[in-house]
């Protein structure tokens, strides 16, 4: 059963509540339903209350209420996003058409280059195929190819998990290299390899990684400014071997052997 009342953060649940059709949202200042846009602007300026109103109207008791006080930095961030949205440039139809044309042409080429050639040769018009249409015969072949690809992916994933489990590396050490979607802002090499991150897009508060006594096996260009995508960590005789794939131009890689892995929140 839904709680009779819950005061929570509007930016996490307001839209879901409105979409459910079984709730009423009331601000502390008013008790009537409001337009969502007006409601959001009003709520961000102060504390607010989101009321769950089931079909059965019951009195809300004090113990069923939770007060959420929005931190000043969260409110400032929301207000900044609202201000940025309010001053967004007008819709540029010409630019939109150009970007759409570029996107479609890129998709033409990508599909032509990555689909099996025997399937591509049966596609009458790659432009129509890119928009999501094909003959039944082509669809049957695509489904067959998809099943084969899935089996191969599952086989590789199983093999990868087995290899990782055999490394005997603690969760604490693995936790030191979790920088998915963090942007590399600096990469220093020498007696130590030091990597600094802008972690605002990631899932960690750590923004400095140090690899002690490094031996660089591979270092592609273009790492600074790219996003940390995936990593693999292997146990070696005198420490660890870290493999990292970055999301950037040409998908750069970094492979480093090191004696220890240190992290810091600067």
C-alpha atoms as a PDB file:
ATOM      1  CA  UNK A   1       0.000   0.000   0.000  1.00  0.00           C
ATOM      2  CA  UNK A   2       1.255   3.455  -0.836  1.00  0.00           C
ATOM      3  CA  UNK A   3       2.261   5.636   2.044  1.00  0.00           C
ATOM      4  CA  UNK A   4      -0.389   8.237   2.729  1.00  0.00           C
ATOM      5  CA  UNK A   5       2.121  11.021   2.486  1.00  0.00           C
ATOM      6  CA  UNK A   6       5.741  11.355   1.493  1.00  0.00           C
ATOM      7  CA  UNK A   7       7.717  14.552   1.087  1.00  0.00           C
ATOM      8  CA  UNK A   8      10.401  13.806  -1.456  1.00  0.00           C
ATOM      9  CA  UNK A   9      12.569  15.384  -4.139  1.00  0.00           C
ATOM     10  CA  UNK A  10      10.470  16.562  -7.068  1.00  0.00           C
ATOM     11  CA  UNK A  11      13.248  16.114  -9.624  1.00  0.00           C
ATOM     12  CA  UNK A  12      13.308  12.347  -8.992  1.00  0.00           C
ATOM     13  CA  UNK A  13       9.604  11.450  -8.928  1.00  0.00           C
ATOM     14  CA  UNK A  14       7.307  14.299  -9.970  1.00  0.00           C
ATOM     15  CA  UNK A  15       6.886  13.259 -13.566  1.00  0.00           C
ATOM     16  CA  UNK A  16       6.344   9.614 -12.627  1.00  0.00           C
ATOM     17  CA  UNK A  17       3.692  10.610 -10.118  1.00  0.00           C
ATOM     18  CA  UNK A  18       1.839  12.771 -12.611  1.00  0.00           C
ATOM     19  CA  UNK A  19       1.932   9.975 -15.173  1.00  0.00           C
ATOM     20  CA  UNK A  20       0.503   7.394 -12.768  1.00  0.00           C
ATOM     21  CA  UNK A  21      -2.940   8.977 -12.722  1.00  0.00           C
ATOM     22  CA  UNK A  22      -3.598   7.999  -9.100  1.00  0.00           C
ATOM     23  CA  UNK A  23      -1.869  10.781  -7.245  1.00  0.00           C
ATOM     24  CA  UNK A  24      -2.336  14.458  -6.549  1.00  0.00           C
ATOM     25  CA  UNK A  25       0.655  16.771  -6.208  1.00  0.00           C
ATOM     26  CA  UNK A  26       0.259  19.725  -3.857  1.00  0.00           C
ATOM     27  CA  UNK A  27       2.876  22.295  -3.010  1.00  0.00           C
ATOM     28  CA  UNK A  28       3.186  23.623   0.524  1.00  0.00           C
ATOM     29  CA  UNK A  29       1.828  26.907  -0.717  1.00  0.00           C
ATOM     30  CA  UNK A  30      -1.267  25.595  -2.524  1.00  0.00           C
ATOM     31  CA  UNK A  31      -3.639  22.634  -2.481  1.00  0.00           C
ATOM     32  CA  UNK A  32      -4.798  22.549  -6.104  1.00  0.00           C
ATOM     33  CA  UNK A  33      -3.385  20.730  -9.124  1.00  0.00           C
ATOM     34  CA  UNK A  34      -1.045  22.884 -11.199  1.00  0.00           C
ATOM     35  CA  UNK A  35       0.534  22.829 -14.600  1.00  0.00           C
ATOM     36  CA  UNK A  36       3.762  20.818 -14.341  1.00  0.00           C
ATOM     37  CA  UNK A  37       6.017  23.586 -15.657  1.00  0.00           C
ATOM     38  CA  UNK A  38       4.644  26.145 -13.187  1.00  0.00           C
ATOM     39  CA  UNK A  39       4.790  23.566 -10.424  1.00  0.00           C
ATOM     40  CA  UNK A  40       8.439  22.746 -11.071  1.00  0.00           C
ATOM     41  CA  UNK A  41       9.470  26.420 -11.026  1.00  0.00           C
ATOM     42  CA  UNK A  42       7.607  27.035  -7.795  1.00  0.00           C
ATOM     43  CA  UNK A  43       8.909  23.940  -6.045  1.00  0.00           C
ATOM     44  CA  UNK A  44      12.563  24.571  -6.820  1.00  0.00           C
ATOM     45  CA  UNK A  45      12.506  27.833  -4.901  1.00  0.00           C
ATOM     46  CA  UNK A  46      11.571  26.265  -1.574  1.00  0.00           C
ATOM     47  CA  UNK A  47      10.734  23.036   0.172  1.00  0.00           C
ATOM     48  CA  UNK A  48       7.773  21.203  -1.180  1.00  0.00           C
ATOM     49  CA  UNK A  49       5.379  18.398  -0.466  1.00  0.00           C
ATOM     50  CA  UNK A  50       4.295  15.574  -2.765  1.00  0.00           C
ATOM     51  CA  UNK A  51       1.062  13.976  -1.588  1.00  0.00           C
ATOM     52  CA  UNK A  52       0.162  10.383  -2.399  1.00  0.00           C
ATOM     53  CA  UNK A  53      -3.652  10.293  -2.487  1.00  0.00           C
ATOM     54  CA  UNK A  54      -4.994   6.747  -2.905  1.00  0.00           C
ATOM     55  CA  UNK A  55      -8.596   6.112  -3.806  1.00  0.00           C
ATOM     56  CA  UNK A  56      -9.351   5.887  -0.106  1.00  0.00           C
ATOM     57  CA  UNK A  57      -8.891   9.323   1.434  1.00  0.00           C
ATOM     58  CA  UNK A  58      -7.313   8.862   4.849  1.00  0.00           C
ATOM     59  CA  UNK A  59      -5.975  11.306   7.343  1.00  0.00           C
ATOM     60  CA  UNK A  60      -2.220  11.813   7.039  1.00  0.00           C
ATOM     61  CA  UNK A  61      -0.494  11.137  10.316  1.00  0.00           C
ATOM     62  CA  UNK A  62       2.738  12.758  11.425  1.00  0.00           C
ATOM     63  CA  UNK A  63       4.659   9.485  11.426  1.00  0.00           C
ATOM     64  CA  UNK A  64       3.755   8.916   7.764  1.00  0.00           C
ATOM     65  CA  UNK A  65       5.488  12.128   6.678  1.00  0.00           C
ATOM     66  CA  UNK A  66       9.114  12.506   5.733  1.00  0.00           C
ATOM     67  CA  UNK A  67      10.542  15.986   5.236  1.00  0.00           C
ATOM     68  CA  UNK A  68      13.154  16.417   2.564  1.00  0.00           C
ATOM     69  CA  UNK A  69      15.273  19.565   2.762  1.00  0.00           C
ATOM     70  CA  UNK A  70      16.887  20.244  -0.568  1.00  0.00           C
ATOM     71  CA  UNK A  71      20.635  20.944  -0.173  1.00  0.00           C
ATOM     72  CA  UNK A  72      21.600  24.437  -1.370  1.00  0.00           C
ATOM     73  CA  UNK A  73      23.990  23.030  -3.994  1.00  0.00           C
ATOM     74  CA  UNK A  74      21.249  20.811  -5.440  1.00  0.00           C
ATOM     75  CA  UNK A  75      18.818  23.711  -5.617  1.00  0.00           C
ATOM     76  CA  UNK A  76      21.492  25.901  -7.238  1.00  0.00           C
ATOM     77  CA  UNK A  77      22.166  23.181  -9.831  1.00  0.00           C
ATOM     78  CA  UNK A  78      18.457  22.858 -10.662  1.00  0.00           C
ATOM     79  CA  UNK A  79      17.998  26.614 -10.888  1.00  0.00           C
ATOM     80  CA  UNK A  80      21.023  26.803 -13.200  1.00  0.00           C
ATOM     81  CA  UNK A  81      19.558  24.143 -15.474  1.00  0.00           C
ATOM     82  CA  UNK A  82      16.217  25.948 -15.574  1.00  0.00           C
ATOM     83  CA  UNK A  83      17.926  29.245 -16.390  1.00  0.00           C
ATOM     84  CA  UNK A  84      19.925  27.606 -19.192  1.00  0.00           C
ATOM     85  CA  UNK A  85      16.760  26.098 -20.627  1.00  0.00           C
ATOM     86  CA  UNK A  86      14.896  29.411 -20.482  1.00  0.00           C
ATOM     87  CA  UNK A  87      17.566  31.155 -22.591  1.00  0.00           C
ATOM     88  CA  UNK A  88      18.041  28.347 -25.112  1.00  0.00           C
ATOM     89  CA  UNK A  89      18.352  29.541 -28.721  1.00  0.00           C
ATOM     90  CA  UNK A  90      15.314  29.329 -31.016  1.00  0.00           C
ATOM     91  CA  UNK A  91      14.765  26.207 -33.062  1.00  0.00           C
ATOM     92  CA  UNK A  92      17.016  26.230 -36.121  1.00  0.00           C
ATOM     93  CA  UNK A  93      15.205  24.296 -38.850  1.00  0.00           C
ATOM     94  CA  UNK A  94      18.063  24.540 -41.343  1.00  0.00           C
ATOM     95  CA  UNK A  95      20.651  23.279 -38.858  1.00  0.00           C
ATOM     96  CA  UNK A  96      18.338  20.468 -37.761  1.00  0.00           C
ATOM     97  CA  UNK A  97      17.921  19.299 -41.345  1.00  0.00           C
ATOM     98  CA  UNK A  98      21.677  19.384 -41.927  1.00  0.00           C
ATOM     99  CA  UNK A  99      22.379  17.369 -38.778  1.00  0.00           C
ATOM    100  CA  UNK A 100      19.686  14.853 -39.681  1.00  0.00           C
ATOM    101  CA  UNK A 101      21.147  14.453 -43.181  1.00  0.00           C
ATOM    102  CA  UNK A 102      24.632  13.871 -41.721  1.00  0.00           C
ATOM    103  CA  UNK A 103      23.275  11.339 -39.242  1.00  0.00           C
ATOM    104  CA  UNK A 104      21.357   9.397 -41.894  1.00  0.00           C
ATOM    105  CA  UNK A 105      24.336   9.336 -44.264  1.00  0.00           C
ATOM    106  CA  UNK A 106      26.586   8.086 -41.461  1.00  0.00           C
ATOM    107  CA  UNK A 107      24.067   5.301 -40.765  1.00  0.00           C
ATOM    108  CA  UNK A 108      23.972   4.354 -44.457  1.00  0.00           C
ATOM    109  CA  UNK A 109      27.712   3.851 -44.446  1.00  0.00           C
ATOM    110  CA  UNK A 110      27.860   2.145 -41.043  1.00  0.00           C
ATOM    111  CA  UNK A 111      25.261  -0.476 -41.956  1.00  0.00           C
ATOM    112  CA  UNK A 112      26.758  -1.106 -45.373  1.00  0.00           C
ATOM    113  CA  UNK A 113      30.183  -1.682 -43.824  1.00  0.00           C
ATOM    114  CA  UNK A 114      29.151  -3.739 -40.791  1.00  0.00           C
ATOM    115  CA  UNK A 115      26.390  -6.029 -42.059  1.00  0.00           C
ATOM    116  CA  UNK A 116      27.422  -9.302 -43.736  1.00  0.00           C
ATOM    117  CA  UNK A 117      28.026  -8.590 -47.389  1.00  0.00           C
ATOM    118  CA  UNK A 118      25.630 -11.313 -48.534  1.00  0.00           C
ATOM    119  CA  UNK A 119      22.812  -9.528 -46.667  1.00  0.00           C
ATOM    120  CA  UNK A 120      23.785  -6.065 -47.923  1.00  0.00           C
ATOM    121  CA  UNK A 121      23.596  -7.317 -51.509  1.00  0.00           C
ATOM    122  CA  UNK A 122      19.957  -8.298 -50.976  1.00  0.00           C
ATOM    123  CA  UNK A 123      18.910  -4.856 -49.648  1.00  0.00           C
ATOM    124  CA  UNK A 124      17.285  -2.941 -52.497  1.00  0.00           C
ATOM    125  CA  UNK A 125      17.761   0.508 -50.974  1.00  0.00           C
ATOM    126  CA  UNK A 126      20.076   0.983 -47.981  1.00  0.00           C
ATOM    127  CA  UNK A 127      18.384   4.326 -47.246  1.00  0.00           C
ATOM    128  CA  UNK A 128      15.018   2.649 -46.695  1.00  0.00           C
ATOM    129  CA  UNK A 129      16.706  -0.099 -44.659  1.00  0.00           C
ATOM    130  CA  UNK A 130      18.327   2.531 -42.429  1.00  0.00           C
ATOM    131  CA  UNK A 131      14.871   3.924 -41.679  1.00  0.00           C
ATOM    132  CA  UNK A 132      13.861   0.498 -40.348  1.00  0.00           C
ATOM    133  CA  UNK A 133      12.231  -1.245 -43.314  1.00  0.00           C
ATOM    134  CA  UNK A 134      13.234  -4.406 -45.165  1.00  0.00           C
ATOM    135  CA  UNK A 135      11.763  -7.446 -46.876  1.00  0.00           C
ATOM    136  CA  UNK A 136      10.684 -10.520 -44.927  1.00  0.00           C
ATOM    137  CA  UNK A 137      13.546 -12.523 -46.449  1.00  0.00           C
ATOM    138  CA  UNK A 138      16.126 -10.001 -45.242  1.00  0.00           C
ATOM    139  CA  UNK A 139      14.516  -9.877 -41.793  1.00  0.00           C
ATOM    140  CA  UNK A 140      14.735 -13.669 -41.438  1.00  0.00           C
ATOM    141  CA  UNK A 141      18.434 -13.564 -42.274  1.00  0.00           C
ATOM    142  CA  UNK A 142      19.001 -10.712 -39.840  1.00  0.00           C
ATOM    143  CA  UNK A 143      17.262 -12.667 -37.074  1.00  0.00           C
ATOM    144  CA  UNK A 144      19.471 -15.672 -37.786  1.00  0.00           C
ATOM    145  CA  UNK A 145      22.598 -13.506 -37.746  1.00  0.00           C
ATOM    146  CA  UNK A 146      21.457 -11.865 -34.517  1.00  0.00           C
ATOM    147  CA  UNK A 147      21.042 -15.258 -32.825  1.00  0.00           C
ATOM    148  CA  UNK A 148      24.537 -16.290 -33.922  1.00  0.00           C
ATOM    149  CA  UNK A 149      26.008 -13.025 -32.663  1.00  0.00           C
ATOM    150  CA  UNK A 150      24.239 -13.423 -29.322  1.00  0.00           C
ATOM    151  CA  UNK A 151      25.597 -16.936 -28.827  1.00  0.00           C
ATOM    152  CA  UNK A 152      29.101 -15.761 -29.614  1.00  0.00           C
ATOM    153  CA  UNK A 153      28.766 -12.802 -27.244  1.00  0.00           C
ATOM    154  CA  UNK A 154      27.564 -15.082 -24.441  1.00  0.00           C
ATOM    155  CA  UNK A 155      30.469 -17.461 -25.063  1.00  0.00           C
ATOM    156  CA  UNK A 156      33.005 -14.622 -24.890  1.00  0.00           C
ATOM    157  CA  UNK A 157      31.350 -13.122 -21.805  1.00  0.00           C
ATOM    158  CA  UNK A 158      31.443 -16.482 -20.011  1.00  0.00           C
ATOM    159  CA  UNK A 159      35.109 -16.927 -20.878  1.00  0.00           C
ATOM    160  CA  UNK A 160      35.859 -13.376 -19.714  1.00  0.00           C
ATOM    161  CA  UNK A 161      34.109 -13.905 -16.365  1.00  0.00           C
ATOM    162  CA  UNK A 162      36.051 -17.102 -15.774  1.00  0.00           C
ATOM    163  CA  UNK A 163      39.351 -15.356 -16.497  1.00  0.00           C
ATOM    164  CA  UNK A 164      38.467 -12.448 -14.195  1.00  0.00           C
ATOM    165  CA  UNK A 165      37.437 -14.767 -11.358  1.00  0.00           C
ATOM    166  CA  UNK A 166      40.780 -16.549 -11.618  1.00  0.00           C
ATOM    167  CA  UNK A 167      42.726 -13.305 -11.027  1.00  0.00           C
ATOM    168  CA  UNK A 168      42.168 -13.374  -7.251  1.00  0.00           C
ATOM    169  CA  UNK A 169      41.875  -9.572  -7.030  1.00  0.00           C
ATOM    170  CA  UNK A 170      39.875  -8.114  -4.150  1.00  0.00           C
ATOM    171  CA  UNK A 171      36.735  -6.049  -4.644  1.00  0.00           C
ATOM    172  CA  UNK A 172      38.506  -3.199  -2.877  1.00  0.00           C
ATOM    173  CA  UNK A 173      41.192  -3.077  -5.587  1.00  0.00           C
ATOM    174  CA  UNK A 174      38.603  -3.369  -8.348  1.00  0.00           C
ATOM    175  CA  UNK A 175      36.750  -0.475  -6.730  1.00  0.00           C
ATOM    176  CA  UNK A 176      39.784   1.754  -7.317  1.00  0.00           C
ATOM    177  CA  UNK A 177      39.426   1.613 -11.106  1.00  0.00           C
ATOM    178  CA  UNK A 178      35.722   2.313 -11.595  1.00  0.00           C
ATOM    179  CA  UNK A 179      35.668   5.497 -13.711  1.00  0.00           C
ATOM    180  CA  UNK A 180      33.007   4.704 -16.299  1.00  0.00           C
ATOM    181  CA  UNK A 181      31.871   7.909 -18.076  1.00  0.00           C
ATOM    182  CA  UNK A 182      34.465  10.056 -16.274  1.00  0.00           C
ATOM    183  CA  UNK A 183      36.420  12.410 -18.537  1.00  0.00           C
ATOM    184  CA  UNK A 184      40.213  12.264 -18.476  1.00  0.00           C
ATOM    185  CA  UNK A 185      41.518  15.766 -17.832  1.00  0.00           C
ATOM    186  CA  UNK A 186      45.205  14.954 -17.317  1.00  0.00           C
ATOM    187  CA  UNK A 187      47.574  12.052 -17.981  1.00  0.00           C
ATOM    188  CA  UNK A 188      51.084  12.266 -16.547  1.00  0.00           C
ATOM    189  CA  UNK A 189      53.782   9.650 -17.072  1.00  0.00           C
ATOM    190  CA  UNK A 190      57.143   9.194 -15.368  1.00  0.00           C
ATOM    191  CA  UNK A 191      58.005   7.491 -12.087  1.00  0.00           C
ATOM    192  CA  UNK A 192      54.245   7.174 -11.685  1.00  0.00           C
ATOM    193  CA  UNK A 193      51.315   7.273 -14.081  1.00  0.00           C
ATOM    194  CA  UNK A 194      48.826   9.839 -12.795  1.00  0.00           C
ATOM    195  CA  UNK A 195      45.377  10.234 -14.318  1.00  0.00           C
ATOM    196  CA  UNK A 196      42.984  12.972 -13.228  1.00  0.00           C
ATOM    197  CA  UNK A 197      39.281  13.001 -14.039  1.00  0.00           C
ATOM    198  CA  UNK A 198      36.265  15.200 -14.321  1.00  0.00           C
ATOM    199  CA  UNK A 199      33.950  12.773 -12.544  1.00  0.00           C
ATOM    200  CA  UNK A 200      30.714  14.757 -12.876  1.00  0.00           C
ATOM    201  CA  UNK A 201      29.438  12.373 -15.543  1.00  0.00           C
ATOM    202  CA  UNK A 202      30.588   9.251 -13.719  1.00  0.00           C
ATOM    203  CA  UNK A 203      29.653   7.237 -10.668  1.00  0.00           C
ATOM    204  CA  UNK A 204      32.508   7.982  -8.276  1.00  0.00           C
ATOM    205  CA  UNK A 205      33.840  10.834  -6.149  1.00  0.00           C
ATOM    206  CA  UNK A 206      37.448   9.813  -6.807  1.00  0.00           C
ATOM    207  CA  UNK A 207      39.177  12.059  -9.329  1.00  0.00           C
ATOM    208  CA  UNK A 208      42.833  10.988  -9.179  1.00  0.00           C
ATOM    209  CA  UNK A 209      44.328   7.589 -10.050  1.00  0.00           C
ATOM    210  CA  UNK A 210      48.007   6.790  -9.496  1.00  0.00           C
ATOM    211  CA  UNK A 211      49.754   3.715 -10.885  1.00  0.00           C
ATOM    212  CA  UNK A 212      52.927   3.055  -8.902  1.00  0.00           C
ATOM    213  CA  UNK A 213      56.176   1.902 -10.568  1.00  0.00           C
ATOM    214  CA  UNK A 214      54.555   1.717 -14.007  1.00  0.00           C
ATOM    215  CA  UNK A 215      55.576  -0.057 -17.162  1.00  0.00           C
ATOM    216  CA  UNK A 216      53.560   1.325 -20.059  1.00  0.00           C
ATOM    217  CA  UNK A 217      52.751  -1.429 -22.550  1.00  0.00           C
ATOM    218  CA  UNK A 218      50.479   0.642 -24.788  1.00  0.00           C
ATOM    219  CA  UNK A 219      49.451   4.297 -24.788  1.00  0.00           C
ATOM    220  CA  UNK A 220      47.410   5.627 -27.703  1.00  0.00           C
ATOM    221  CA  UNK A 221      47.082   9.323 -28.402  1.00  0.00           C
ATOM    222  CA  UNK A 222      43.904  11.239 -27.672  1.00  0.00           C
ATOM    223  CA  UNK A 223      43.291   9.859 -24.173  1.00  0.00           C
ATOM    224  CA  UNK A 224      43.045  13.286 -22.530  1.00  0.00           C
ATOM    225  CA  UNK A 225      39.577  14.633 -23.189  1.00  0.00           C
ATOM    226  CA  UNK A 226      38.062  11.198 -23.782  1.00  0.00           C
ATOM    227  CA  UNK A 227      35.704   9.185 -21.570  1.00  0.00           C
ATOM    228  CA  UNK A 228      36.795   6.154 -19.571  1.00  0.00           C
ATOM    229  CA  UNK A 229      34.623   3.319 -20.907  1.00  0.00           C
ATOM    230  CA  UNK A 230      35.793  -0.099 -19.761  1.00  0.00           C
ATOM    231  CA  UNK A 231      38.679  -1.679 -17.924  1.00  0.00           C
ATOM    232  CA  UNK A 232      40.218  -5.071 -17.292  1.00  0.00           C
ATOM    233  CA  UNK A 233      42.569  -5.801 -14.403  1.00  0.00           C
ATOM    234  CA  UNK A 234      44.929  -8.773 -14.286  1.00  0.00           C
ATOM    235  CA  UNK A 235      47.180 -10.068 -11.535  1.00  0.00           C
ATOM    236  CA  UNK A 236      50.880 -10.321 -12.447  1.00  0.00           C
ATOM    237  CA  UNK A 237      53.889 -11.418 -10.389  1.00  0.00           C
ATOM    238  CA  UNK A 238      54.799  -7.962  -9.078  1.00  0.00           C
ATOM    239  CA  UNK A 239      51.413  -6.252  -9.081  1.00  0.00           C
ATOM    240  CA  UNK A 240      48.724  -5.600 -11.678  1.00  0.00           C
ATOM    241  CA  UNK A 241      48.193  -5.079 -15.378  1.00  0.00           C
ATOM    242  CA  UNK A 242      45.474  -2.545 -16.186  1.00  0.00           C
ATOM    243  CA  UNK A 243      43.797  -2.349 -19.593  1.00  0.00           C
ATOM    244  CA  UNK A 244      41.544   0.644 -20.296  1.00  0.00           C
ATOM    245  CA  UNK A 245      39.400   1.471 -23.337  1.00  0.00           C
ATOM    246  CA  UNK A 246      38.378   5.105 -23.802  1.00  0.00           C
ATOM    247  CA  UNK A 247      35.501   6.610 -25.773  1.00  0.00           C
ATOM    248  CA  UNK A 248      37.012   9.173 -28.085  1.00  0.00           C
ATOM    249  CA  UNK A 249      38.334   9.535 -31.591  1.00  0.00           C
ATOM    250  CA  UNK A 250      39.743   6.147 -32.688  1.00  0.00           C
ATOM    251  CA  UNK A 251      38.803   4.614 -29.284  1.00  0.00           C
ATOM    252  CA  UNK A 252      42.242   4.975 -27.605  1.00  0.00           C
ATOM    253  CA  UNK A 253      43.639   2.318 -25.267  1.00  0.00           C
ATOM    254  CA  UNK A 254      45.990   2.346 -22.310  1.00  0.00           C
ATOM    255  CA  UNK A 255      47.770  -0.735 -20.950  1.00  0.00           C
ATOM    256  CA  UNK A 256      49.995  -0.322 -17.895  1.00  0.00           C
ATOM    257  CA  UNK A 257      51.711  -2.760 -15.546  1.00  0.00           C
ATOM    258  CA  UNK A 258      52.238  -1.416 -12.042  1.00  0.00           C
ATOM    259  CA  UNK A 259      53.194  -2.401  -8.491  1.00  0.00           C
ATOM    260  CA  UNK A 260      50.186  -0.769  -6.836  1.00  0.00           C
ATOM    261  CA  UNK A 261      47.055   1.265  -7.537  1.00  0.00           C
ATOM    262  CA  UNK A 262      46.353   4.358  -5.466  1.00  0.00           C
ATOM    263  CA  UNK A 263      43.328   6.634  -5.565  1.00  0.00           C
ATOM    264  CA  UNK A 264      42.565  10.044  -4.161  1.00  0.00           C
ATOM    265  CA  UNK A 265      39.756  12.563  -3.989  1.00  0.00           C
ATOM    266  CA  UNK A 266      41.347  15.963  -4.549  1.00  0.00           C
END
